[in-house]
Amino acid sequence: MAATDRLSLVFAALADPTRREILSRLAQGPATVGEVAGPFDMSAPAISQHLKVLERAGLVTRTVTAQWRTLSLEAQPLSEAATWVDEQRRDWNLRLDALEHHLEAMTARTNNDVQE
């Protein structure tokens, strides 16, 4: 069962190196689909699939003007993912600090028991 919440969609989109490269290109500014596809040795349908994943995650928007399809990076979902990662890092650091203090206390008790 595929997750459909935004954070899961963002992480799934970021899991692929091609999509990360596309986002890196769009971080430099908007580009046409052709400009984004240029460096990749893959078919147009394959590029289209990657773009659909990025759009579904809210990382890319597409605007159509006449025959031109321009892609733009949307940074908000990346910020949300970064916030989630920062929160997890903070929580794990607190847990590891607590474990360290617990182990130090256990070691101190063991050392005291040995000395007695």
PDB file of N, CA and C in Angstrom:
ATOM      1  N   MET A   1       0.847  -1.182   0.000  1.00  0.00           N
ATOM      2  CA  MET A   1       0.000   0.000   0.000  1.00  0.00           C
ATOM      3  C   MET A   1       0.890   1.243   0.000  1.00  0.00           C
ATOM      4  N   ALA A   2       0.746   2.071  -0.974  1.00  0.00           N
ATOM      5  CA  ALA A   2       1.572   3.271  -1.100  1.00  0.00           C
ATOM      6  C   ALA A   2       1.048   4.376  -0.181  1.00  0.00           C
ATOM      7  N   ALA A   3       1.987   5.019   0.496  1.00  0.00           N
ATOM      8  CA  ALA A   3       1.617   6.142   1.362  1.00  0.00           C
ATOM      9  C   ALA A   3       1.242   7.340   0.504  1.00  0.00           C
ATOM     10  N   THR A   4       0.286   8.111   0.979  1.00  0.00           N
ATOM     11  CA  THR A   4      -0.163   9.264   0.207  1.00  0.00           C
ATOM     12  C   THR A   4      -0.014  10.578   0.963  1.00  0.00           C
ATOM     13  N   ASP A   5       0.495  10.531   2.207  1.00  0.00           N
ATOM     14  CA  ASP A   5       0.689  11.801   2.901  1.00  0.00           C
ATOM     15  C   ASP A   5       1.873  12.526   2.258  1.00  0.00           C
ATOM     16  N   ARG A   6       1.875  13.841   2.379  1.00  0.00           N
ATOM     17  CA  ARG A   6       2.852  14.657   1.661  1.00  0.00           C
ATOM     18  C   ARG A   6       4.295  14.317   2.029  1.00  0.00           C
ATOM     19  N   LEU A   7       4.577  14.115   3.311  1.00  0.00           N
ATOM     20  CA  LEU A   7       5.935  13.820   3.729  1.00  0.00           C
ATOM     21  C   LEU A   7       6.428  12.508   3.103  1.00  0.00           C
ATOM     22  N   SER A   8       5.581  11.500   3.072  1.00  0.00           N
ATOM     23  CA  SER A   8       5.951  10.225   2.447  1.00  0.00           C
ATOM     24  C   SER A   8       6.191  10.399   0.952  1.00  0.00           C
ATOM     25  N   LEU A   9       5.354  11.186   0.310  1.00  0.00           N
ATOM     26  CA  LEU A   9       5.532  11.437  -1.129  1.00  0.00           C
ATOM     27  C   LEU A   9       6.842  12.174  -1.400  1.00  0.00           C
ATOM     28  N   VAL A  10       7.191  13.120  -0.528  1.00  0.00           N
ATOM     29  CA  VAL A  10       8.445  13.866  -0.705  1.00  0.00           C
ATOM     30  C   VAL A  10       9.634  12.926  -0.562  1.00  0.00           C
ATOM     31  N   PHE A  11       9.649  12.118   0.503  1.00  0.00           N
ATOM     32  CA  PHE A  11      10.779  11.210   0.695  1.00  0.00           C
ATOM     33  C   PHE A  11      10.858  10.169  -0.416  1.00  0.00           C
ATOM     34  N   ALA A  12       9.723   9.688  -0.894  1.00  0.00           N
ATOM     35  CA  ALA A  12       9.725   8.729  -2.006  1.00  0.00           C
ATOM     36  C   ALA A  12      10.287   9.387  -3.265  1.00  0.00           C
ATOM     37  N   ALA A  13       9.914  10.641  -3.494  1.00  0.00           N
ATOM     38  CA  ALA A  13      10.432  11.355  -4.671  1.00  0.00           C
ATOM     39  C   ALA A  13      11.941  11.566  -4.557  1.00  0.00           C
ATOM     40  N   LEU A  14      12.412  11.883  -3.360  1.00  0.00           N
ATOM     41  CA  LEU A  14      13.835  12.141  -3.151  1.00  0.00           C
ATOM     42  C   LEU A  14      14.679  10.870  -3.167  1.00  0.00           C
ATOM     43  N   ALA A  15      14.040   9.717  -3.095  1.00  0.00           N
ATOM     44  CA  ALA A  15      14.769   8.454  -3.048  1.00  0.00           C
ATOM     45  C   ALA A  15      15.460   8.121  -4.368  1.00  0.00           C
ATOM     46  N   ASP A  16      15.059   8.753  -5.435  1.00  0.00           N
ATOM     47  CA  ASP A  16      15.611   8.435  -6.754  1.00  0.00           C
ATOM     48  C   ASP A  16      16.661   9.472  -7.171  1.00  0.00           C
ATOM     49  N   PRO A  17      17.849   9.028  -7.581  1.00  0.00           N
ATOM     50  CA  PRO A  17      18.903   9.981  -7.957  1.00  0.00           C
ATOM     51  C   PRO A  17      18.552  10.857  -9.166  1.00  0.00           C
ATOM     52  N   THR A  18      17.800  10.321 -10.111  1.00  0.00           N
ATOM     53  CA  THR A  18      17.399  11.130 -11.271  1.00  0.00           C
ATOM     54  C   THR A  18      16.518  12.287 -10.822  1.00  0.00           C
ATOM     55  N   ARG A  19      15.579  11.999  -9.940  1.00  0.00           N
ATOM     56  CA  ARG A  19      14.695  13.070  -9.460  1.00  0.00           C
ATOM     57  C   ARG A  19      15.469  14.098  -8.634  1.00  0.00           C
ATOM     58  N   ARG A  20      16.452  13.638  -7.868  1.00  0.00           N
ATOM     59  CA  ARG A  20      17.274  14.596  -7.118  1.00  0.00           C
ATOM     60  C   ARG A  20      18.055  15.495  -8.077  1.00  0.00           C
ATOM     61  N   GLU A  21      18.561  14.925  -9.172  1.00  0.00           N
ATOM     62  CA  GLU A  21      19.272  15.728 -10.171  1.00  0.00           C
ATOM     63  C   GLU A  21      18.335  16.742 -10.821  1.00  0.00           C
ATOM     64  N   ILE A  22      17.112  16.332 -11.102  1.00  0.00           N
ATOM     65  CA  ILE A  22      16.129  17.253 -11.683  1.00  0.00           C
ATOM     66  C   ILE A  22      15.887  18.413 -10.718  1.00  0.00           C
ATOM     67  N   LEU A  23      15.723  18.110  -9.440  1.00  0.00           N
ATOM     68  CA  LEU A  23      15.508  19.169  -8.449  1.00  0.00           C
ATOM     69  C   LEU A  23      16.723  20.093  -8.358  1.00  0.00           C
ATOM     70  N   SER A  24      17.919  19.525  -8.429  1.00  0.00           N
ATOM     71  CA  SER A  24      19.136  20.356  -8.405  1.00  0.00           C
ATOM     72  C   SER A  24      19.150  21.306  -9.588  1.00  0.00           C
ATOM     73  N   ARG A  25      18.741  20.818 -10.747  1.00  0.00           N
ATOM     74  CA  ARG A  25      18.690  21.688 -11.928  1.00  0.00           C
ATOM     75  C   ARG A  25      17.668  22.793 -11.728  1.00  0.00           C
ATOM     76  N   LEU A  26      16.501  22.454 -11.202  1.00  0.00           N
ATOM     77  CA  LEU A  26      15.444  23.448 -11.018  1.00  0.00           C
ATOM     78  C   LEU A  26      15.769  24.426  -9.889  1.00  0.00           C
ATOM     79  N   ALA A  27      16.674  24.055  -9.001  1.00  0.00           N
ATOM     80  CA  ALA A  27      17.105  24.987  -7.946  1.00  0.00           C
ATOM     81  C   ALA A  27      17.841  26.180  -8.554  1.00  0.00           C
ATOM     82  N   GLN A  28      18.342  26.026  -9.766  1.00  0.00           N
ATOM     83  CA  GLN A  28      19.023  27.113 -10.468  1.00  0.00           C
ATOM     84  C   GLN A  28      18.036  28.065 -11.133  1.00  0.00           C
ATOM     85  N   GLY A  29      16.785  27.644 -11.249  1.00  0.00           N
ATOM     86  CA  GLY A  29      15.752  28.465 -11.863  1.00  0.00           C
ATOM     87  C   GLY A  29      14.834  27.627 -12.725  1.00  0.00           C
ATOM     88  N   PRO A  30      13.694  28.199 -13.118  1.00  0.00           N
ATOM     89  CA  PRO A  30      12.746  27.464 -13.960  1.00  0.00           C
ATOM     90  C   PRO A  30      13.398  27.001 -15.262  1.00  0.00           C
ATOM     91  N   ALA A  31      12.878  25.900 -15.787  1.00  0.00           N
ATOM     92  CA  ALA A  31      13.410  25.341 -17.032  1.00  0.00           C
ATOM     93  C   ALA A  31      12.284  24.635 -17.774  1.00  0.00           C
ATOM     94  N   THR A  32      12.457  24.517 -19.066  1.00  0.00           N
ATOM     95  CA  THR A  32      11.483  23.767 -19.852  1.00  0.00           C
ATOM     96  C   THR A  32      11.718  22.275 -19.622  1.00  0.00           C
ATOM     97  N   VAL A  33      10.723  21.480 -19.973  1.00  0.00           N
ATOM     98  CA  VAL A  33      10.854  20.034 -19.848  1.00  0.00           C
ATOM     99  C   VAL A  33      12.044  19.562 -20.673  1.00  0.00           C
ATOM    100  N   GLY A  34      12.211  20.107 -21.854  1.00  0.00           N
ATOM    101  CA  GLY A  34      13.341  19.731 -22.708  1.00  0.00           C
ATOM    102  C   GLY A  34      14.683  20.055 -22.077  1.00  0.00           C
ATOM    103  N   GLU A  35      14.784  21.209 -21.438  1.00  0.00           N
ATOM    104  CA  GLU A  35      16.031  21.582 -20.763  1.00  0.00           C
ATOM    105  C   GLU A  35      16.333  20.643 -19.597  1.00  0.00           C
ATOM    106  N   VAL A  36      15.304  20.261 -18.878  1.00  0.00           N
ATOM    107  CA  VAL A  36      15.492  19.345 -17.749  1.00  0.00           C
ATOM    108  C   VAL A  36      15.870  17.958 -18.262  1.00  0.00           C
ATOM    109  N   ALA A  37      15.237  17.508 -19.331  1.00  0.00           N
ATOM    110  CA  ALA A  37      15.472  16.166 -19.856  1.00  0.00           C
ATOM    111  C   ALA A  37      16.810  16.030 -20.558  1.00  0.00           C
ATOM    112  N   GLY A  38      17.346  17.142 -21.083  1.00  0.00           N
ATOM    113  CA  GLY A  38      18.558  17.115 -21.898  1.00  0.00           C
ATOM    114  C   GLY A  38      19.703  16.269 -21.384  1.00  0.00           C
ATOM    115  N   PRO A  39      20.131  16.435 -20.146  1.00  0.00           N
ATOM    116  CA  PRO A  39      21.306  15.699 -19.670  1.00  0.00           C
ATOM    117  C   PRO A  39      21.086  14.200 -19.430  1.00  0.00           C
ATOM    118  N   PHE A  40      19.859  13.749 -19.469  1.00  0.00           N
ATOM    119  CA  PHE A  40      19.573  12.358 -19.122  1.00  0.00           C
ATOM    120  C   PHE A  40      19.490  11.479 -20.355  1.00  0.00           C
ATOM    121  N   ASP A  41      20.081  10.307 -20.258  1.00  0.00           N
ATOM    122  CA  ASP A  41      20.031   9.330 -21.339  1.00  0.00           C
ATOM    123  C   ASP A  41      18.856   8.386 -21.083  1.00  0.00           C
ATOM    124  N   MET A  42      17.643   8.942 -21.226  1.00  0.00           N
ATOM    125  CA  MET A  42      16.443   8.131 -21.039  1.00  0.00           C
ATOM    126  C   MET A  42      15.334   8.672 -21.920  1.00  0.00           C
ATOM    127  N   SER A  43      14.324   7.871 -22.081  1.00  0.00           N
ATOM    128  CA  SER A  43      13.226   8.225 -22.975  1.00  0.00           C
ATOM    129  C   SER A  43      12.386   9.360 -22.386  1.00  0.00           C
ATOM    130  N   ALA A  44      11.652  10.024 -23.266  1.00  0.00           N
ATOM    131  CA  ALA A  44      10.738  11.083 -22.836  1.00  0.00           C
ATOM    132  C   ALA A  44       9.683  10.544 -21.868  1.00  0.00           C
ATOM    133  N   PRO A  45       9.107   9.344 -22.115  1.00  0.00           N
ATOM    134  CA  PRO A  45       8.139   8.824 -21.147  1.00  0.00           C
ATOM    135  C   PRO A  45       8.765   8.579 -19.757  1.00  0.00           C
ATOM    136  N   ALA A  46      10.020   8.167 -19.711  1.00  0.00           N
ATOM    137  CA  ALA A  46      10.684   7.943 -18.425  1.00  0.00           C
ATOM    138  C   ALA A  46      10.855   9.268 -17.682  1.00  0.00           C
ATOM    139  N   ILE A  47      11.288  10.304 -18.400  1.00  0.00           N
ATOM    140  CA  ILE A  47      11.421  11.636 -17.786  1.00  0.00           C
ATOM    141  C   ILE A  47      10.049  12.107 -17.307  1.00  0.00           C
ATOM    142  N   SER A  48       9.036  11.897 -18.122  1.00  0.00           N
ATOM    143  CA  SER A  48       7.674  12.298 -17.763  1.00  0.00           C
ATOM    144  C   SER A  48       7.224  11.625 -16.471  1.00  0.00           C
ATOM    145  N   GLN A  49       7.554  10.347 -16.311  1.00  0.00           N
ATOM    146  CA  GLN A  49       7.193   9.632 -15.079  1.00  0.00           C
ATOM    147  C   GLN A  49       7.887  10.259 -13.866  1.00  0.00           C
ATOM    148  N   HIS A  50       9.164  10.583 -14.002  1.00  0.00           N
ATOM    149  CA  HIS A  50       9.894  11.229 -12.908  1.00  0.00           C
ATOM    150  C   HIS A  50       9.255  12.574 -12.553  1.00  0.00           C
ATOM    151  N   LEU A  51       8.882  13.325 -13.568  1.00  0.00           N
ATOM    152  CA  LEU A  51       8.263  14.625 -13.323  1.00  0.00           C
ATOM    153  C   LEU A  51       6.907  14.476 -12.638  1.00  0.00           C
ATOM    154  N   LYS A  52       6.148  13.458 -13.005  1.00  0.00           N
ATOM    155  CA  LYS A  52       4.853  13.222 -12.355  1.00  0.00           C
ATOM    156  C   LYS A  52       5.036  12.918 -10.871  1.00  0.00           C
ATOM    157  N   VAL A  53       6.056  12.140 -10.541  1.00  0.00           N
ATOM    158  CA  VAL A  53       6.326  11.827  -9.128  1.00  0.00           C
ATOM    159  C   VAL A  53       6.670  13.109  -8.377  1.00  0.00           C
ATOM    160  N   LEU A  54       7.513  13.948  -8.982  1.00  0.00           N
ATOM    161  CA  LEU A  54       7.900  15.210  -8.346  1.00  0.00           C
ATOM    162  C   LEU A  54       6.705  16.149  -8.197  1.00  0.00           C
ATOM    163  N   GLU A  55       5.845  16.185  -9.202  1.00  0.00           N
ATOM    164  CA  GLU A  55       4.643  17.028  -9.124  1.00  0.00           C
ATOM    165  C   GLU A  55       3.684  16.518  -8.048  1.00  0.00           C
ATOM    166  N   ARG A  56       3.481  15.208  -7.991  1.00  0.00           N
ATOM    167  CA  ARG A  56       2.564  14.631  -7.006  1.00  0.00           C
ATOM    168  C   ARG A  56       3.055  14.932  -5.576  1.00  0.00           C
ATOM    169  N   ALA A  57       4.377  14.992  -5.393  1.00  0.00           N
ATOM    170  CA  ALA A  57       4.953  15.313  -4.084  1.00  0.00           C
ATOM    171  C   ALA A  57       4.916  16.806  -3.797  1.00  0.00           C
ATOM    172  N   GLY A  58       4.532  17.609  -4.792  1.00  0.00           N
ATOM    173  CA  GLY A  58       4.467  19.053  -4.609  1.00  0.00           C
ATOM    174  C   GLY A  58       5.818  19.737  -4.730  1.00  0.00           C
ATOM    175  N   LEU A  59       6.821  19.015  -5.240  1.00  0.00           N
ATOM    176  CA  LEU A  59       8.172  19.563  -5.354  1.00  0.00           C
ATOM    177  C   LEU A  59       8.386  20.358  -6.634  1.00  0.00           C
ATOM    178  N   VAL A  60       7.533  20.120  -7.611  1.00  0.00           N
ATOM    179  CA  VAL A  60       7.663  20.771  -8.916  1.00  0.00           C
ATOM    180  C   VAL A  60       6.286  21.224  -9.380  1.00  0.00           C
ATOM    181  N   THR A  61       6.240  22.415  -9.945  1.00  0.00           N
ATOM    182  CA  THR A  61       5.014  22.861 -10.613  1.00  0.00           C
ATOM    183  C   THR A  61       5.324  23.038 -12.089  1.00  0.00           C
ATOM    184  N   ARG A  62       4.293  22.838 -12.879  1.00  0.00           N
ATOM    185  CA  ARG A  62       4.427  22.944 -14.336  1.00  0.00           C
ATOM    186  C   ARG A  62       3.460  24.016 -14.811  1.00  0.00           C
ATOM    187  N   THR A  63       3.963  24.947 -15.599  1.00  0.00           N
ATOM    188  CA  THR A  63       3.101  25.938 -16.231  1.00  0.00           C
ATOM    189  C   THR A  63       3.179  25.742 -17.735  1.00  0.00           C
ATOM    190  N   VAL A  64       2.060  25.956 -18.395  1.00  0.00           N
ATOM    191  CA  VAL A  64       1.989  25.773 -19.844  1.00  0.00           C
ATOM    192  C   VAL A  64       1.677  27.115 -20.478  1.00  0.00           C
ATOM    193  N   THR A  65       2.557  27.545 -21.372  1.00  0.00           N
ATOM    194  CA  THR A  65       2.347  28.754 -22.149  1.00  0.00           C
ATOM    195  C   THR A  65       2.562  28.381 -23.611  1.00  0.00           C
ATOM    196  N   ALA A  66       1.485  28.401 -24.365  1.00  0.00           N
ATOM    197  CA  ALA A  66       1.516  27.952 -25.759  1.00  0.00           C
ATOM    198  C   ALA A  66       2.074  26.529 -25.784  1.00  0.00           C
ATOM    199  N   GLN A  67       3.162  26.295 -26.552  1.00  0.00           N
ATOM    200  CA  GLN A  67       3.726  24.947 -26.621  1.00  0.00           C
ATOM    201  C   GLN A  67       4.800  24.711 -25.574  1.00  0.00           C
ATOM    202  N   TRP A  68       5.100  25.696 -24.748  1.00  0.00           N
ATOM    203  CA  TRP A  68       6.167  25.580 -23.750  1.00  0.00           C
ATOM    204  C   TRP A  68       5.625  25.092 -22.423  1.00  0.00           C
ATOM    205  N   ARG A  69       6.294  24.129 -21.862  1.00  0.00           N
ATOM    206  CA  ARG A  69       5.976  23.622 -20.536  1.00  0.00           C
ATOM    207  C   ARG A  69       7.168  23.918 -19.630  1.00  0.00           C
ATOM    208  N   THR A  70       6.960  24.834 -18.705  1.00  0.00           N
ATOM    209  CA  THR A  70       8.040  25.266 -17.832  1.00  0.00           C
ATOM    210  C   THR A  70       7.868  24.643 -16.447  1.00  0.00           C
ATOM    211  N   LEU A  71       8.969  24.147 -15.907  1.00  0.00           N
ATOM    212  CA  LEU A  71       8.976  23.524 -14.588  1.00  0.00           C
ATOM    213  C   LEU A  71       9.642  24.458 -13.595  1.00  0.00           C
ATOM    214  N   SER A  72       9.115  24.495 -12.385  1.00  0.00           N
ATOM    215  CA  SER A  72       9.688  25.306 -11.315  1.00  0.00           C
ATOM    216  C   SER A  72       9.768  24.467 -10.049  1.00  0.00           C
ATOM    217  N   LEU A  73      10.791  24.718  -9.271  1.00  0.00           N
ATOM    218  CA  LEU A  73      10.967  24.051  -7.987  1.00  0.00           C
ATOM    219  C   LEU A  73      10.058  24.690  -6.941  1.00  0.00           C
ATOM    220  N   GLU A  74       9.442  23.870  -6.128  1.00  0.00           N
ATOM    221  CA  GLU A  74       8.645  24.334  -4.992  1.00  0.00           C
ATOM    222  C   GLU A  74       9.393  23.910  -3.731  1.00  0.00           C
ATOM    223  N   ALA A  75       9.917  24.872  -2.995  1.00  0.00           N
ATOM    224  CA  ALA A  75      10.788  24.566  -1.857  1.00  0.00           C
ATOM    225  C   ALA A  75      10.035  24.182  -0.589  1.00  0.00           C
ATOM    226  N   GLN A  76       8.781  24.560  -0.450  1.00  0.00           N
ATOM    227  CA  GLN A  76       8.048  24.318   0.802  1.00  0.00           C
ATOM    228  C   GLN A  76       8.055  22.854   1.236  1.00  0.00           C
ATOM    229  N   PRO A  77       7.782  21.899   0.344  1.00  0.00           N
ATOM    230  CA  PRO A  77       7.819  20.498   0.790  1.00  0.00           C
ATOM    231  C   PRO A  77       9.206  20.069   1.281  1.00  0.00           C
ATOM    232  N   LEU A  78      10.262  20.619   0.675  1.00  0.00           N
ATOM    233  CA  LEU A  78      11.614  20.307   1.143  1.00  0.00           C
ATOM    234  C   LEU A  78      11.844  20.870   2.538  1.00  0.00           C
ATOM    235  N   SER A  79      11.318  22.055   2.797  1.00  0.00           N
ATOM    236  CA  SER A  79      11.431  22.655   4.120  1.00  0.00           C
ATOM    237  C   SER A  79      10.695  21.815   5.159  1.00  0.00           C
ATOM    238  N   GLU A  80       9.527  21.316   4.794  1.00  0.00           N
ATOM    239  CA  GLU A  80       8.767  20.461   5.709  1.00  0.00           C
ATOM    240  C   GLU A  80       9.530  19.171   6.010  1.00  0.00           C
ATOM    241  N   ALA A  81      10.150  18.587   4.985  1.00  0.00           N
ATOM    242  CA  ALA A  81      10.938  17.368   5.196  1.00  0.00           C
ATOM    243  C   ALA A  81      12.150  17.662   6.074  1.00  0.00           C
ATOM    244  N   ALA A  82      12.803  18.786   5.845  1.00  0.00           N
ATOM    245  CA  ALA A  82      13.966  19.162   6.659  1.00  0.00           C
ATOM    246  C   ALA A  82      13.563  19.388   8.110  1.00  0.00           C
ATOM    247  N   THR A  83      12.409  19.995   8.330  1.00  0.00           N
ATOM    248  CA  THR A  83      11.916  20.203   9.692  1.00  0.00           C
ATOM    249  C   THR A  83      11.672  18.871  10.374  1.00  0.00           C
ATOM    250  N   TRP A  84      11.071  17.926   9.667  1.00  0.00           N
ATOM    251  CA  TRP A  84      10.820  16.604  10.231  1.00  0.00           C
ATOM    252  C   TRP A  84      12.138  15.920  10.597  1.00  0.00           C
ATOM    253  N   VAL A  85      13.121  15.978   9.700  1.00  0.00           N
ATOM    254  CA  VAL A  85      14.429  15.364   9.970  1.00  0.00           C
ATOM    255  C   VAL A  85      15.081  16.022  11.181  1.00  0.00           C
ATOM    256  N   ASP A  86      15.028  17.346  11.268  1.00  0.00           N
ATOM    257  CA  ASP A  86      15.602  18.059  12.416  1.00  0.00           C
ATOM    258  C   ASP A  86      14.940  17.638  13.724  1.00  0.00           C
ATOM    259  N   GLU A  87      13.614  17.477  13.706  1.00  0.00           N
ATOM    260  CA  GLU A  87      12.899  17.040  14.911  1.00  0.00           C
ATOM    261  C   GLU A  87      13.342  15.632  15.317  1.00  0.00           C
ATOM    262  N   GLN A  88      13.469  14.758  14.340  1.00  0.00           N
ATOM    263  CA  GLN A  88      13.908  13.389  14.635  1.00  0.00           C
ATOM    264  C   GLN A  88      15.329  13.392  15.184  1.00  0.00           C
ATOM    265  N   ARG A  89      16.198  14.195  14.593  1.00  0.00           N
ATOM    266  CA  ARG A  89      17.587  14.288  15.061  1.00  0.00           C
ATOM    267  C   ARG A  89      17.621  14.777  16.509  1.00  0.00           C
ATOM    268  N   ARG A  90      16.822  15.792  16.810  1.00  0.00           N
ATOM    269  CA  ARG A  90      16.777  16.326  18.165  1.00  0.00           C
ATOM    270  C   ARG A  90      16.306  15.257  19.150  1.00  0.00           C
ATOM    271  N   ASP A  91      15.238  14.552  18.801  1.00  0.00           N
ATOM    272  CA  ASP A  91      14.718  13.505  19.674  1.00  0.00           C
ATOM    273  C   ASP A  91      15.746  12.399  19.907  1.00  0.00           C
ATOM    274  N   TRP A  92      16.415  11.973  18.836  1.00  0.00           N
ATOM    275  CA  TRP A  92      17.417  10.918  18.979  1.00  0.00           C
ATOM    276  C   TRP A  92      18.604  11.402  19.800  1.00  0.00           C
ATOM    277  N   ASN A  93      19.011  12.630  19.625  1.00  0.00           N
ATOM    278  CA  ASN A  93      20.114  13.163  20.437  1.00  0.00           C
ATOM    279  C   ASN A  93      19.735  13.175  21.914  1.00  0.00           C
ATOM    280  N   LEU A  94      18.496  13.553  22.226  1.00  0.00           N
ATOM    281  CA  LEU A  94      18.043  13.526  23.620  1.00  0.00           C
ATOM    282  C   LEU A  94      18.052  12.100  24.171  1.00  0.00           C
ATOM    283  N   ARG A  95      17.589  11.153  23.371  1.00  0.00           N
ATOM    284  CA  ARG A  95      17.577   9.748  23.807  1.00  0.00           C
ATOM    285  C   ARG A  95      18.989   9.216  24.000  1.00  0.00           C
ATOM    286  N   LEU A  96      19.881   9.553  23.106  1.00  0.00           N
ATOM    287  CA  LEU A  96      21.261   9.091  23.232  1.00  0.00           C
ATOM    288  C   LEU A  96      21.948   9.730  24.434  1.00  0.00           C
ATOM    289  N   ASP A  97      21.654  11.002  24.684  1.00  0.00           N
ATOM    290  CA  ASP A  97      22.204  11.660  25.878  1.00  0.00           C
ATOM    291  C   ASP A  97      21.700  10.973  27.143  1.00  0.00           C
ATOM    292  N   ALA A  98      20.421  10.649  27.187  1.00  0.00           N
ATOM    293  CA  ALA A  98      19.856   9.963  28.349  1.00  0.00           C
ATOM    294  C   ALA A  98      20.497   8.580  28.523  1.00  0.00           C
ATOM    295  N   LEU A  99      20.720   7.881  27.426  1.00  0.00           N
ATOM    296  CA  LEU A  99      21.365   6.571  27.492  1.00  0.00           C
ATOM    297  C   LEU A  99      22.793   6.715  28.006  1.00  0.00           C
ATOM    298  N   GLU A 100      23.490   7.716  27.528  1.00  0.00           N
ATOM    299  CA  GLU A 100      24.865   7.956  27.986  1.00  0.00           C
ATOM    300  C   GLU A 100      24.895   8.200  29.497  1.00  0.00           C
ATOM    301  N   HIS A 101      23.987   9.028  30.007  1.00  0.00           N
ATOM    302  CA  HIS A 101      23.934   9.304  31.443  1.00  0.00           C
ATOM    303  C   HIS A 101      23.589   8.038  32.228  1.00  0.00           C
ATOM    304  N   HIS A 102      22.689   7.253  31.699  1.00  0.00           N
ATOM    305  CA  HIS A 102      22.306   5.998  32.353  1.00  0.00           C
ATOM    306  C   HIS A 102      23.513   5.045  32.419  1.00  0.00           C
ATOM    307  N   LEU A 103      24.239   4.913  31.318  1.00  0.00           N
ATOM    308  CA  LEU A 103      25.401   4.026  31.295  1.00  0.00           C
ATOM    309  C   LEU A 103      26.503   4.525  32.233  1.00  0.00           C
ATOM    310  N   GLU A 104      26.679   5.838  32.289  1.00  0.00           N
ATOM    311  CA  GLU A 104      27.665   6.402  33.213  1.00  0.00           C
ATOM    312  C   GLU A 104      27.282   6.095  34.656  1.00  0.00           C
ATOM    313  N   ALA A 105      26.001   6.219  34.973  1.00  0.00           N
ATOM    314  CA  ALA A 105      25.534   5.915  36.328  1.00  0.00           C
ATOM    315  C   ALA A 105      25.718   4.438  36.643  1.00  0.00           C
ATOM    316  N   MET A 106      25.423   3.571  35.682  1.00  0.00           N
ATOM    317  CA  MET A 106      25.614   2.134  35.888  1.00  0.00           C
ATOM    318  C   MET A 106      27.086   1.803  36.104  1.00  0.00           C
ATOM    319  N   THR A 107      27.954   2.424  35.327  1.00  0.00           N
ATOM    320  CA  THR A 107      29.392   2.192  35.452  1.00  0.00           C
ATOM    321  C   THR A 107      29.891   2.670  36.808  1.00  0.00           C
ATOM    322  N   ALA A 108      29.400   3.836  37.236  1.00  0.00           N
ATOM    323  CA  ALA A 108      29.804   4.373  38.544  1.00  0.00           C
ATOM    324  C   ALA A 108      29.349   3.441  39.650  1.00  0.00           C
ATOM    325  N   ARG A 109      28.129   2.902  39.582  1.00  0.00           N
ATOM    326  CA  ARG A 109      27.631   1.972  40.611  1.00  0.00           C
ATOM    327  C   ARG A 109      28.450   0.691  40.622  1.00  0.00           C
ATOM    328  N   THR A 110      28.760   0.192  39.425  1.00  0.00           N
ATOM    329  CA  THR A 110      29.561  -1.032  39.323  1.00  0.00           C
ATOM    330  C   THR A 110      30.943  -0.821  39.928  1.00  0.00           C
ATOM    331  N   ASN A 111      31.543   0.332  39.615  1.00  0.00           N
ATOM    332  CA  ASN A 111      32.866   0.640  40.169  1.00  0.00           C
ATOM    333  C   ASN A 111      32.812   0.760  41.685  1.00  0.00           C
ATOM    334  N   ASN A 112      31.753   1.366  42.216  1.00  0.00           N
ATOM    335  CA  ASN A 112      31.588   1.483  43.671  1.00  0.00           C
ATOM    336  C   ASN A 112      31.414   0.112  44.313  1.00  0.00           C
ATOM    337  N   ASP A 113      30.650  -0.776  43.675  1.00  0.00           N
ATOM    338  CA  ASP A 113      30.431  -2.123  44.210  1.00  0.00           C
ATOM    339  C   ASP A 113      31.732  -2.916  44.227  1.00  0.00           C
ATOM    340  N   VAL A 114      32.567  -2.747  43.217  1.00  0.00           N
ATOM    341  CA  VAL A 114      33.834  -3.472  43.116  1.00  0.00           C
ATOM    342  C   VAL A 114      34.791  -2.981  44.205  1.00  0.00           C
ATOM    343  N   GLN A 115      34.775  -1.691  44.491  1.00  0.00           N
ATOM    344  CA  GLN A 115      35.689  -1.116  45.483  1.00  0.00           C
ATOM    345  C   GLN A 115      35.294  -1.498  46.897  1.00  0.00           C
ATOM    346  N   GLU A 116      34.058  -1.807  47.143  1.00  0.00           N
ATOM    347  CA  GLU A 116      33.605  -2.131  48.494  1.00  0.00           C
ATOM    348  C   GLU A 116      33.965  -3.495  48.868  1.00  0.00           C
TER     349      GLU A 116
END
